[in-house]
Amino acid sequence: MFKEIADKTGRHLAVTAKDAYVLYALELTDRICRMEGVWIYKELKEKRDKWETEVVMKNCGDVYVDPLEINRDPGGYILCFSFYDMKHLLDIKPSGGIYIYSSSEAHSEEQEFDFLRLQNWLKIFDFEIFGFEIVSEGGKLKPEFVKGYHASGHASKEDLKWIIDEIDPEVLIPVHTENAEWFVENFENLKVMGNGESFKCG
């Protein structure tokens, strides 16, 4: 989606080397190139890991972009950074911009602190923030997430149904769900497990 946005707005999408590594690994499994037209952010560091030099640089070394190039034309790029990549803003030195948070919400107090830190980083560089805001709740600052920005990694119900129908498992055991009833209503070969229960296959 962000590649499409970059193309439509005349910008370059730049991802981290780790993301490029994952995209290349996916290509090896399904032969679909996801790196076409995508740039790779070149971290300012002296030593690079073996996976980067032998896989990413070997296969995509000509599409690296360094922070100085981005600094010269910040409006020409969309950067795909995680929490842990905010440090790169110190090398890019942007002055203003837009930050869109499109990942999962905070689920613990420690994760809430992460968002306070993130907002502080973004304020330093005068970014306009979309996707979350910091609010005061009972005298305590905490993040509030704005609907419509979250790009979940979870499959939709329609996609889950299609995947399960395609695989056609002998036994289906739903895990990591808050809605086991949906599985009960839609599938017959189902085993819903309670806490501490075990199931022997075969």
N, C-alpha and C. Protein backbone atom coordinates (compact mmCIF):
# COMPACT_ATOMS: atom_id res chain seq x y z
N MET A 1 0.82 -1.20 0.00
CA MET A 1 0.00 0.00 0.00
C MET A 1 0.86 1.26 0.00
N PHE A 2 1.90 1.27 0.85
CA PHE A 2 2.76 2.46 0.90
C PHE A 2 3.58 2.63 -0.38
N LYS A 3 3.91 1.51 -1.04
CA LYS A 3 4.59 1.60 -2.34
C LYS A 3 3.67 2.26 -3.36
N GLU A 4 2.41 1.88 -3.32
CA GLU A 4 1.41 2.48 -4.22
C GLU A 4 1.26 3.98 -3.95
N ILE A 5 1.23 4.34 -2.65
CA ILE A 5 1.13 5.76 -2.27
C ILE A 5 2.36 6.52 -2.76
N ALA A 6 3.54 5.91 -2.57
CA ALA A 6 4.78 6.55 -3.02
C ALA A 6 4.75 6.79 -4.52
N ASP A 7 4.31 5.79 -5.28
CA ASP A 7 4.24 5.94 -6.74
C ASP A 7 3.28 7.05 -7.14
N LYS A 8 2.12 7.09 -6.49
CA LYS A 8 1.10 8.08 -6.84
C LYS A 8 1.49 9.50 -6.46
N THR A 9 2.37 9.63 -5.47
CA THR A 9 2.77 10.97 -5.02
C THR A 9 4.16 11.36 -5.51
N GLY A 10 4.75 10.53 -6.38
CA GLY A 10 6.06 10.85 -6.94
C GLY A 10 7.19 10.77 -5.94
N ARG A 11 7.07 9.85 -4.97
CA ARG A 11 8.10 9.69 -3.95
C ARG A 11 8.74 8.32 -4.06
N HIS A 12 9.85 8.14 -3.32
CA HIS A 12 10.51 6.84 -3.23
C HIS A 12 10.15 6.23 -1.87
N LEU A 13 9.80 4.95 -1.86
CA LEU A 13 9.60 4.24 -0.61
C LEU A 13 10.93 3.63 -0.21
N ALA A 14 11.38 3.92 1.02
CA ALA A 14 12.64 3.35 1.53
C ALA A 14 12.34 2.49 2.75
N VAL A 15 12.82 1.26 2.73
CA VAL A 15 12.64 0.34 3.85
C VAL A 15 13.99 0.07 4.49
N THR A 16 13.98 -0.56 5.64
CA THR A 16 15.24 -0.92 6.30
C THR A 16 15.83 -2.15 5.61
N ALA A 17 17.11 -2.40 5.85
CA ALA A 17 17.77 -3.58 5.28
C ALA A 17 17.10 -4.86 5.78
N LYS A 18 16.64 -4.86 7.04
CA LYS A 18 15.96 -6.04 7.58
C LYS A 18 14.67 -6.32 6.83
N ASP A 19 13.92 -5.26 6.53
CA ASP A 19 12.69 -5.44 5.76
C ASP A 19 13.01 -5.95 4.35
N ALA A 20 14.06 -5.42 3.75
CA ALA A 20 14.46 -5.86 2.41
C ALA A 20 14.85 -7.34 2.44
N TYR A 21 15.50 -7.76 3.52
CA TYR A 21 15.89 -9.16 3.68
C TYR A 21 14.66 -10.06 3.72
N VAL A 22 13.64 -9.64 4.48
CA VAL A 22 12.39 -10.41 4.58
C VAL A 22 11.68 -10.46 3.23
N LEU A 23 11.62 -9.31 2.55
CA LEU A 23 10.95 -9.27 1.25
C LEU A 23 11.66 -10.16 0.23
N TYR A 24 12.99 -10.20 0.30
CA TYR A 24 13.75 -11.07 -0.60
C TYR A 24 13.49 -12.54 -0.26
N ALA A 25 13.42 -12.86 1.04
CA ALA A 25 13.14 -14.24 1.46
C ALA A 25 11.76 -14.68 0.98
N LEU A 26 10.78 -13.78 1.04
CA LEU A 26 9.44 -14.10 0.53
C LEU A 26 9.48 -14.38 -0.97
N GLU A 27 10.29 -13.60 -1.67
CA GLU A 27 10.41 -13.80 -3.12
C GLU A 27 10.96 -15.18 -3.44
N LEU A 28 11.86 -15.69 -2.61
CA LEU A 28 12.41 -17.02 -2.84
C LEU A 28 11.36 -18.11 -2.70
N THR A 29 10.30 -17.84 -1.93
CA THR A 29 9.26 -18.86 -1.74
C THR A 29 8.18 -18.81 -2.81
N ASP A 30 7.84 -17.60 -3.29
CA ASP A 30 6.72 -17.52 -4.25
C ASP A 30 7.07 -16.87 -5.58
N ARG A 31 8.33 -16.46 -5.75
CA ARG A 31 8.82 -15.86 -7.00
C ARG A 31 8.15 -14.53 -7.34
N ILE A 32 7.60 -13.85 -6.34
CA ILE A 32 7.01 -12.53 -6.55
C ILE A 32 7.98 -11.48 -6.01
N CYS A 33 8.47 -10.61 -6.88
CA CYS A 33 9.41 -9.57 -6.46
C CYS A 33 8.65 -8.41 -5.80
N ARG A 34 8.98 -8.15 -4.55
CA ARG A 34 8.34 -7.06 -3.81
C ARG A 34 9.27 -5.86 -3.64
N MET A 35 10.48 -5.96 -4.19
CA MET A 35 11.47 -4.90 -4.03
C MET A 35 11.56 -3.98 -5.24
N GLU A 36 10.76 -4.25 -6.26
CA GLU A 36 10.82 -3.43 -7.46
C GLU A 36 10.42 -1.99 -7.14
N GLY A 37 11.32 -1.05 -7.40
CA GLY A 37 11.04 0.35 -7.14
C GLY A 37 11.16 0.75 -5.68
N VAL A 38 11.61 -0.16 -4.82
CA VAL A 38 11.76 0.13 -3.39
C VAL A 38 13.23 0.39 -3.08
N TRP A 39 13.49 1.42 -2.29
CA TRP A 39 14.86 1.76 -1.89
C TRP A 39 15.13 1.19 -0.50
N ILE A 40 16.41 1.12 -0.16
CA ILE A 40 16.81 0.61 1.15
C ILE A 40 17.56 1.70 1.89
N TYR A 41 17.11 1.98 3.12
CA TYR A 41 17.79 3.00 3.94
C TYR A 41 19.16 2.47 4.35
N LYS A 42 20.20 3.25 4.06
CA LYS A 42 21.58 2.85 4.39
C LYS A 42 21.98 3.46 5.72
N GLU A 43 22.01 2.60 6.73
CA GLU A 43 22.40 3.06 8.07
C GLU A 43 23.85 3.52 8.07
N LEU A 44 24.12 4.54 8.88
CA LEU A 44 25.50 5.01 9.04
C LEU A 44 26.17 4.15 10.11
N LYS A 45 26.79 3.08 9.66
CA LYS A 45 27.53 2.22 10.59
C LYS A 45 28.71 1.62 9.85
N GLU A 46 29.76 1.35 10.62
CA GLU A 46 31.01 0.89 10.02
C GLU A 46 30.94 -0.58 9.61
N LYS A 47 30.33 -1.42 10.46
CA LYS A 47 30.30 -2.86 10.19
C LYS A 47 28.86 -3.31 9.96
N ARG A 48 28.69 -4.15 8.94
CA ARG A 48 27.36 -4.67 8.61
C ARG A 48 27.31 -6.17 8.86
N ASP A 49 26.13 -6.65 9.23
CA ASP A 49 25.96 -8.08 9.49
C ASP A 49 26.10 -8.87 8.19
N LYS A 50 26.45 -10.15 8.35
CA LYS A 50 26.69 -11.02 7.21
C LYS A 50 25.44 -11.14 6.33
N TRP A 51 24.25 -11.26 6.96
CA TRP A 51 23.02 -11.40 6.18
C TRP A 51 22.80 -10.18 5.28
N GLU A 52 23.25 -8.99 5.74
CA GLU A 52 23.06 -7.80 4.92
C GLU A 52 24.06 -7.76 3.76
N THR A 53 25.34 -8.04 4.05
CA THR A 53 26.35 -7.96 2.99
C THR A 53 26.18 -9.07 1.95
N GLU A 54 25.85 -10.29 2.42
CA GLU A 54 25.81 -11.44 1.50
C GLU A 54 24.46 -11.66 0.84
N VAL A 55 23.39 -11.07 1.39
CA VAL A 55 22.08 -11.26 0.77
C VAL A 55 21.53 -9.94 0.25
N VAL A 56 21.34 -8.97 1.15
CA VAL A 56 20.69 -7.72 0.74
C VAL A 56 21.58 -6.92 -0.21
N MET A 57 22.82 -6.66 0.18
CA MET A 57 23.70 -5.84 -0.66
C MET A 57 24.04 -6.55 -1.96
N LYS A 58 24.18 -7.86 -1.89
CA LYS A 58 24.51 -8.63 -3.09
C LYS A 58 23.38 -8.56 -4.11
N ASN A 59 22.14 -8.58 -3.62
CA ASN A 59 20.98 -8.62 -4.53
C ASN A 59 20.35 -7.26 -4.78
N CYS A 60 20.52 -6.32 -3.86
CA CYS A 60 19.85 -5.01 -3.98
C CYS A 60 20.79 -3.85 -3.67
N GLY A 61 22.08 -4.07 -3.80
CA GLY A 61 23.06 -3.05 -3.40
C GLY A 61 22.96 -1.73 -4.14
N ASP A 62 22.35 -1.73 -5.32
CA ASP A 62 22.29 -0.49 -6.10
C ASP A 62 21.12 0.41 -5.72
N VAL A 63 20.28 -0.02 -4.78
CA VAL A 63 19.13 0.82 -4.40
C VAL A 63 19.21 1.33 -2.96
N TYR A 64 20.41 1.39 -2.42
CA TYR A 64 20.58 1.97 -1.08
C TYR A 64 20.52 3.50 -1.19
N VAL A 65 19.91 4.12 -0.19
CA VAL A 65 19.88 5.58 -0.12
C VAL A 65 20.36 6.00 1.27
N ASP A 66 21.31 6.93 1.31
CA ASP A 66 21.86 7.30 2.62
C ASP A 66 21.11 8.52 3.20
N PRO A 67 21.29 8.77 4.49
CA PRO A 67 20.55 9.85 5.15
C PRO A 67 20.81 11.23 4.57
N LEU A 68 22.01 11.46 4.03
CA LEU A 68 22.30 12.77 3.44
C LEU A 68 21.46 13.02 2.20
N GLU A 69 21.26 11.97 1.39
CA GLU A 69 20.41 12.11 0.21
C GLU A 69 18.97 12.41 0.61
N ILE A 70 18.50 11.73 1.64
CA ILE A 70 17.13 11.96 2.12
C ILE A 70 17.02 13.37 2.68
N ASN A 71 18.05 13.83 3.41
CA ASN A 71 18.05 15.17 3.98
C ASN A 71 17.95 16.24 2.89
N ARG A 72 18.59 15.99 1.75
CA ARG A 72 18.57 16.96 0.65
C ARG A 72 17.19 17.08 0.00
N ASP A 73 16.40 15.99 0.05
CA ASP A 73 15.08 16.00 -0.58
C ASP A 73 14.09 15.19 0.28
N PRO A 74 13.79 15.67 1.51
CA PRO A 74 12.94 14.88 2.41
C PRO A 74 11.54 14.63 1.86
N GLY A 75 11.02 15.56 1.06
CA GLY A 75 9.69 15.38 0.49
C GLY A 75 9.65 14.35 -0.62
N GLY A 76 10.80 13.85 -1.00
CA GLY A 76 10.87 12.86 -2.07
C GLY A 76 10.83 11.42 -1.58
N TYR A 77 10.69 11.23 -0.25
CA TYR A 77 10.77 9.88 0.31
C TYR A 77 9.64 9.59 1.29
N ILE A 78 9.25 8.34 1.33
CA ILE A 78 8.43 7.79 2.41
C ILE A 78 9.30 6.74 3.08
N LEU A 79 9.55 6.90 4.38
CA LEU A 79 10.42 5.99 5.11
C LEU A 79 9.58 5.02 5.94
N CYS A 80 9.90 3.76 5.83
CA CYS A 80 9.18 2.73 6.59
C CYS A 80 10.05 2.35 7.79
N PHE A 81 9.81 3.02 8.91
CA PHE A 81 10.61 2.82 10.12
C PHE A 81 9.75 2.27 11.25
N SER A 82 10.36 1.44 12.10
CA SER A 82 9.70 0.94 13.31
C SER A 82 10.12 1.81 14.50
N PHE A 83 9.64 1.45 15.68
CA PHE A 83 10.06 2.13 16.91
C PHE A 83 11.58 2.22 16.98
N TYR A 84 12.23 1.11 16.65
CA TYR A 84 13.67 0.99 16.87
C TYR A 84 14.49 1.72 15.80
N ASP A 85 13.81 2.25 14.80
CA ASP A 85 14.52 2.96 13.73
C ASP A 85 14.46 4.48 13.89
N MET A 86 13.79 4.96 14.93
CA MET A 86 13.67 6.40 15.13
C MET A 86 15.02 7.08 15.31
N LYS A 87 16.01 6.31 15.78
CA LYS A 87 17.36 6.86 15.97
C LYS A 87 17.94 7.39 14.66
N HIS A 88 17.47 6.84 13.52
CA HIS A 88 17.99 7.28 12.23
C HIS A 88 17.60 8.72 11.90
N LEU A 89 16.59 9.24 12.57
CA LEU A 89 16.21 10.63 12.36
C LEU A 89 17.36 11.57 12.75
N LEU A 90 18.19 11.14 13.69
CA LEU A 90 19.35 11.95 14.08
C LEU A 90 20.33 12.10 12.93
N ASP A 91 20.41 11.09 12.05
CA ASP A 91 21.30 11.15 10.90
C ASP A 91 20.65 11.90 9.73
N ILE A 92 19.35 11.73 9.58
CA ILE A 92 18.63 12.39 8.47
C ILE A 92 18.43 13.87 8.75
N LYS A 93 18.18 14.21 10.02
CA LYS A 93 17.95 15.59 10.47
C LYS A 93 16.81 16.27 9.70
N PRO A 94 15.61 15.65 9.71
CA PRO A 94 14.49 16.29 9.01
C PRO A 94 13.99 17.50 9.79
N SER A 95 13.33 18.38 9.08
CA SER A 95 12.71 19.54 9.73
C SER A 95 11.25 19.54 9.33
N GLY A 96 10.44 18.88 10.13
CA GLY A 96 9.03 18.74 9.82
C GLY A 96 8.77 17.51 8.97
N GLY A 97 7.53 17.13 8.93
CA GLY A 97 7.13 15.96 8.15
C GLY A 97 5.86 15.37 8.73
N ILE A 98 5.46 14.26 8.16
CA ILE A 98 4.25 13.56 8.62
C ILE A 98 4.66 12.17 9.05
N TYR A 99 4.16 11.76 10.22
CA TYR A 99 4.40 10.41 10.72
C TYR A 99 3.06 9.70 10.82
N ILE A 100 2.96 8.52 10.20
CA ILE A 100 1.73 7.72 10.27
C ILE A 100 2.05 6.44 11.03
N TYR A 101 1.37 6.25 12.16
CA TYR A 101 1.55 5.01 12.92
C TYR A 101 0.47 4.04 12.47
N SER A 102 0.89 2.88 11.93
CA SER A 102 -0.09 1.95 11.37
C SER A 102 0.11 0.53 11.86
N SER A 103 0.64 0.39 13.07
CA SER A 103 0.86 -0.95 13.61
C SER A 103 -0.09 -1.19 14.78
N SER A 104 0.22 -2.18 15.61
CA SER A 104 -0.71 -2.56 16.69
C SER A 104 -0.70 -1.57 17.84
N GLU A 105 -1.77 -1.63 18.62
CA GLU A 105 -1.93 -0.74 19.76
C GLU A 105 -1.08 -1.23 20.93
N ALA A 106 -0.92 -0.37 21.92
CA ALA A 106 -0.18 -0.74 23.13
C ALA A 106 -1.03 -1.70 23.96
N HIS A 107 -0.40 -2.77 24.48
CA HIS A 107 -1.13 -3.76 25.28
C HIS A 107 -0.58 -3.88 26.70
N SER A 108 0.37 -3.03 27.04
CA SER A 108 0.92 -3.07 28.40
C SER A 108 1.39 -1.67 28.76
N GLU A 109 1.67 -1.47 30.04
CA GLU A 109 2.14 -0.17 30.50
C GLU A 109 3.50 0.18 29.87
N GLU A 110 4.34 -0.84 29.71
CA GLU A 110 5.66 -0.62 29.10
C GLU A 110 5.50 -0.15 27.65
N GLN A 111 4.56 -0.75 26.93
CA GLN A 111 4.31 -0.33 25.55
C GLN A 111 3.73 1.08 25.49
N GLU A 112 2.94 1.45 26.48
CA GLU A 112 2.41 2.82 26.54
C GLU A 112 3.56 3.82 26.69
N PHE A 113 4.57 3.47 27.50
CA PHE A 113 5.75 4.34 27.65
C PHE A 113 6.49 4.48 26.33
N ASP A 114 6.50 3.39 25.53
CA ASP A 114 7.14 3.45 24.21
C ASP A 114 6.52 4.56 23.36
N PHE A 115 5.21 4.71 23.45
CA PHE A 115 4.53 5.74 22.65
C PHE A 115 4.81 7.14 23.16
N LEU A 116 5.00 7.28 24.46
CA LEU A 116 5.39 8.59 25.00
C LEU A 116 6.77 8.96 24.47
N ARG A 117 7.68 7.98 24.45
CA ARG A 117 9.03 8.22 23.91
C ARG A 117 8.96 8.53 22.42
N LEU A 118 8.13 7.79 21.70
CA LEU A 118 7.99 8.00 20.26
C LEU A 118 7.49 9.42 19.99
N GLN A 119 6.49 9.85 20.75
CA GLN A 119 5.98 11.21 20.54
C GLN A 119 7.07 12.25 20.80
N ASN A 120 7.89 12.02 21.83
CA ASN A 120 8.98 12.96 22.12
C ASN A 120 9.97 13.04 20.96
N TRP A 121 10.32 11.89 20.37
CA TRP A 121 11.21 11.88 19.21
C TRP A 121 10.60 12.69 18.08
N LEU A 122 9.32 12.46 17.81
CA LEU A 122 8.66 13.11 16.69
C LEU A 122 8.50 14.62 16.90
N LYS A 123 8.32 15.02 18.17
CA LYS A 123 8.22 16.45 18.48
C LYS A 123 9.54 17.16 18.21
N ILE A 124 10.65 16.49 18.53
CA ILE A 124 11.97 17.08 18.31
C ILE A 124 12.13 17.50 16.86
N PHE A 125 11.61 16.68 15.94
CA PHE A 125 11.78 16.94 14.51
C PHE A 125 10.54 17.58 13.89
N ASP A 126 9.61 18.03 14.74
CA ASP A 126 8.44 18.78 14.30
C ASP A 126 7.56 18.01 13.32
N PHE A 127 7.30 16.74 13.65
CA PHE A 127 6.44 15.91 12.82
C PHE A 127 4.98 16.07 13.21
N GLU A 128 4.11 16.03 12.22
CA GLU A 128 2.67 15.95 12.46
C GLU A 128 2.35 14.46 12.57
N ILE A 129 1.62 14.07 13.63
CA ILE A 129 1.40 12.65 13.92
C ILE A 129 -0.03 12.23 13.58
N PHE A 130 -0.15 11.09 12.89
CA PHE A 130 -1.44 10.48 12.60
C PHE A 130 -1.42 9.03 13.08
N GLY A 131 -2.53 8.55 13.58
CA GLY A 131 -2.62 7.16 14.02
C GLY A 131 -2.67 7.00 15.52
N PHE A 132 -2.11 7.94 16.25
CA PHE A 132 -2.22 7.93 17.71
C PHE A 132 -2.01 9.34 18.24
N GLU A 133 -2.51 9.56 19.44
CA GLU A 133 -2.26 10.82 20.15
C GLU A 133 -2.10 10.52 21.62
N ILE A 134 -1.41 11.39 22.32
CA ILE A 134 -1.21 11.20 23.75
C ILE A 134 -2.27 12.02 24.49
N VAL A 135 -3.02 11.35 25.38
CA VAL A 135 -4.08 12.00 26.13
C VAL A 135 -3.82 11.83 27.62
N SER A 136 -4.44 12.68 28.41
CA SER A 136 -4.34 12.58 29.86
C SER A 136 -5.57 11.86 30.39
N GLU A 137 -5.33 10.77 31.10
CA GLU A 137 -6.43 9.98 31.65
C GLU A 137 -6.19 9.80 33.15
N GLY A 138 -6.98 10.49 33.95
CA GLY A 138 -6.78 10.43 35.41
C GLY A 138 -5.43 10.96 35.83
N GLY A 139 -4.94 12.00 35.16
CA GLY A 139 -3.65 12.59 35.48
C GLY A 139 -2.46 11.82 34.92
N LYS A 140 -2.74 10.77 34.16
CA LYS A 140 -1.67 9.95 33.60
C LYS A 140 -1.70 10.06 32.07
N LEU A 141 -0.53 10.27 31.47
CA LEU A 141 -0.45 10.35 30.01
C LEU A 141 -0.42 8.95 29.42
N LYS A 142 -1.24 8.74 28.39
CA LYS A 142 -1.26 7.44 27.72
C LYS A 142 -1.67 7.62 26.26
N PRO A 143 -1.29 6.67 25.41
CA PRO A 143 -1.63 6.79 23.99
C PRO A 143 -3.09 6.41 23.74
N GLU A 144 -3.69 7.12 22.80
CA GLU A 144 -5.03 6.77 22.32
C GLU A 144 -4.89 6.58 20.82
N PHE A 145 -5.42 5.48 20.31
CA PHE A 145 -5.21 5.12 18.91
C PHE A 145 -6.39 5.52 18.05
N VAL A 146 -6.08 6.10 16.91
CA VAL A 146 -7.10 6.61 16.01
C VAL A 146 -7.48 5.51 15.03
N LYS A 147 -8.76 5.21 14.94
CA LYS A 147 -9.23 4.16 14.04
C LYS A 147 -8.97 4.53 12.58
N GLY A 148 -8.72 3.51 11.77
CA GLY A 148 -8.53 3.73 10.35
C GLY A 148 -7.09 3.72 9.88
N TYR A 149 -6.14 3.70 10.83
CA TYR A 149 -4.73 3.72 10.45
C TYR A 149 -4.03 2.38 10.68
N HIS A 150 -4.62 1.54 11.52
CA HIS A 150 -3.97 0.30 11.91
C HIS A 150 -3.95 -0.69 10.76
N ALA A 151 -2.76 -1.03 10.28
CA ALA A 151 -2.60 -2.05 9.24
C ALA A 151 -2.23 -3.35 9.93
N SER A 152 -3.25 -4.07 10.36
CA SER A 152 -3.04 -5.28 11.15
C SER A 152 -2.37 -6.38 10.33
N GLY A 153 -1.59 -7.19 11.01
CA GLY A 153 -1.01 -8.36 10.36
C GLY A 153 -1.96 -9.54 10.43
N HIS A 154 -3.13 -9.36 11.07
CA HIS A 154 -4.08 -10.45 11.21
C HIS A 154 -4.96 -10.56 9.96
N ALA A 155 -5.29 -11.78 9.61
CA ALA A 155 -6.17 -12.02 8.45
C ALA A 155 -7.61 -11.67 8.80
N SER A 156 -8.38 -11.25 7.81
CA SER A 156 -9.81 -10.98 8.01
C SER A 156 -10.54 -12.32 8.15
N LYS A 157 -11.79 -12.28 8.59
CA LYS A 157 -12.58 -13.50 8.72
C LYS A 157 -12.73 -14.20 7.36
N GLU A 158 -12.94 -13.39 6.32
CA GLU A 158 -13.09 -13.97 4.97
C GLU A 158 -11.80 -14.68 4.54
N ASP A 159 -10.67 -14.03 4.82
CA ASP A 159 -9.38 -14.64 4.45
C ASP A 159 -9.11 -15.90 5.27
N LEU A 160 -9.44 -15.85 6.58
CA LEU A 160 -9.25 -17.04 7.42
C LEU A 160 -10.08 -18.20 6.89
N LYS A 161 -11.33 -17.92 6.54
CA LYS A 161 -12.21 -18.98 6.02
C LYS A 161 -11.64 -19.56 4.73
N TRP A 162 -11.17 -18.70 3.84
CA TRP A 162 -10.59 -19.17 2.58
C TRP A 162 -9.36 -20.04 2.84
N ILE A 163 -8.47 -19.57 3.74
CA ILE A 163 -7.24 -20.32 4.06
C ILE A 163 -7.58 -21.70 4.62
N ILE A 164 -8.52 -21.74 5.56
CA ILE A 164 -8.89 -23.01 6.20
C ILE A 164 -9.55 -23.94 5.18
N ASP A 165 -10.42 -23.39 4.32
CA ASP A 165 -11.05 -24.22 3.28
C ASP A 165 -10.01 -24.77 2.32
N GLU A 166 -9.01 -23.96 1.96
CA GLU A 166 -7.96 -24.40 1.04
C GLU A 166 -7.10 -25.50 1.66
N ILE A 167 -6.73 -25.33 2.93
CA ILE A 167 -5.88 -26.32 3.60
C ILE A 167 -6.67 -27.59 3.91
N ASP A 168 -7.94 -27.41 4.27
CA ASP A 168 -8.84 -28.52 4.60
C ASP A 168 -8.22 -29.45 5.66
N PRO A 169 -7.95 -28.92 6.87
CA PRO A 169 -7.27 -29.73 7.89
C PRO A 169 -8.18 -30.80 8.47
N GLU A 170 -7.57 -31.88 8.95
CA GLU A 170 -8.34 -32.93 9.62
C GLU A 170 -8.91 -32.40 10.93
N VAL A 171 -8.11 -31.62 11.64
CA VAL A 171 -8.54 -31.02 12.91
C VAL A 171 -8.11 -29.56 12.90
N LEU A 172 -9.00 -28.70 13.34
CA LEU A 172 -8.71 -27.27 13.41
C LEU A 172 -8.74 -26.84 14.87
N ILE A 173 -7.62 -26.28 15.34
CA ILE A 173 -7.53 -25.82 16.73
C ILE A 173 -7.25 -24.31 16.71
N PRO A 174 -8.27 -23.48 17.00
CA PRO A 174 -8.02 -22.03 16.99
C PRO A 174 -7.15 -21.61 18.18
N VAL A 175 -6.14 -20.80 17.89
CA VAL A 175 -5.27 -20.24 18.92
C VAL A 175 -5.18 -18.73 18.69
N HIS A 176 -4.78 -18.01 19.72
CA HIS A 176 -4.59 -16.57 19.63
C HIS A 176 -5.85 -15.89 19.07
N THR A 177 -6.99 -16.22 19.66
CA THR A 177 -8.25 -15.63 19.22
C THR A 177 -9.10 -15.26 20.43
N GLU A 178 -9.87 -14.20 20.28
CA GLU A 178 -10.83 -13.82 21.32
C GLU A 178 -12.23 -14.22 20.90
N ASN A 179 -12.35 -14.91 19.74
CA ASN A 179 -13.66 -15.23 19.21
C ASN A 179 -13.69 -16.67 18.71
N ALA A 180 -13.51 -17.61 19.64
CA ALA A 180 -13.55 -19.03 19.27
C ALA A 180 -14.94 -19.42 18.76
N GLU A 181 -15.98 -18.68 19.19
CA GLU A 181 -17.36 -18.98 18.77
C GLU A 181 -17.50 -18.90 17.25
N TRP A 182 -16.77 -17.95 16.63
CA TRP A 182 -16.84 -17.81 15.17
C TRP A 182 -16.36 -19.09 14.49
N PHE A 183 -15.31 -19.69 15.03
CA PHE A 183 -14.81 -20.95 14.48
C PHE A 183 -15.83 -22.06 14.67
N VAL A 184 -16.47 -22.10 15.85
CA VAL A 184 -17.49 -23.11 16.15
C VAL A 184 -18.65 -23.01 15.16
N GLU A 185 -19.04 -21.77 14.85
CA GLU A 185 -20.17 -21.54 13.94
C GLU A 185 -19.84 -21.87 12.48
N ASN A 186 -18.56 -21.81 12.11
CA ASN A 186 -18.19 -21.94 10.69
C ASN A 186 -17.48 -23.23 10.30
N PHE A 187 -17.03 -24.02 11.28
CA PHE A 187 -16.26 -25.21 10.92
C PHE A 187 -16.68 -26.40 11.77
N GLU A 188 -16.61 -27.60 11.17
CA GLU A 188 -17.04 -28.81 11.87
C GLU A 188 -15.89 -29.54 12.57
N ASN A 189 -14.76 -29.64 11.89
CA ASN A 189 -13.63 -30.42 12.41
C ASN A 189 -12.81 -29.59 13.39
N LEU A 190 -13.46 -29.16 14.46
CA LEU A 190 -12.88 -28.17 15.37
C LEU A 190 -12.62 -28.76 16.75
N LYS A 191 -11.51 -28.34 17.34
CA LYS A 191 -11.20 -28.70 18.73
C LYS A 191 -10.83 -27.41 19.46
N VAL A 192 -11.72 -26.94 20.32
CA VAL A 192 -11.45 -25.72 21.10
C VAL A 192 -10.79 -26.17 22.40
N MET A 193 -9.61 -25.65 22.65
CA MET A 193 -8.82 -26.07 23.81
C MET A 193 -8.98 -25.08 24.96
N GLY A 194 -9.07 -25.60 26.16
CA GLY A 194 -9.08 -24.76 27.35
C GLY A 194 -7.67 -24.62 27.90
N ASN A 195 -7.48 -23.71 28.84
CA ASN A 195 -6.16 -23.52 29.46
C ASN A 195 -5.67 -24.82 30.09
N GLY A 196 -4.45 -25.20 29.77
CA GLY A 196 -3.84 -26.39 30.36
C GLY A 196 -4.22 -27.69 29.67
N GLU A 197 -5.15 -27.63 28.70
CA GLU A 197 -5.54 -28.84 27.98
C GLU A 197 -4.49 -29.22 26.95
N SER A 198 -4.40 -30.52 26.67
CA SER A 198 -3.48 -30.98 25.62
C SER A 198 -4.27 -31.80 24.61
N PHE A 199 -3.68 -31.94 23.43
CA PHE A 199 -4.32 -32.69 22.36
C PHE A 199 -3.27 -33.52 21.65
N LYS A 200 -3.55 -34.80 21.47
CA LYS A 200 -2.59 -35.69 20.81
C LYS A 200 -3.02 -35.88 19.36
N CYS A 201 -2.09 -35.54 18.45
CA CYS A 201 -2.37 -35.70 17.02
C CYS A 201 -2.09 -37.13 16.59
N GLY A 202 -2.86 -37.58 15.58
CA GLY A 202 -2.60 -38.90 14.99
C GLY A 202 -3.18 -39.93 15.83
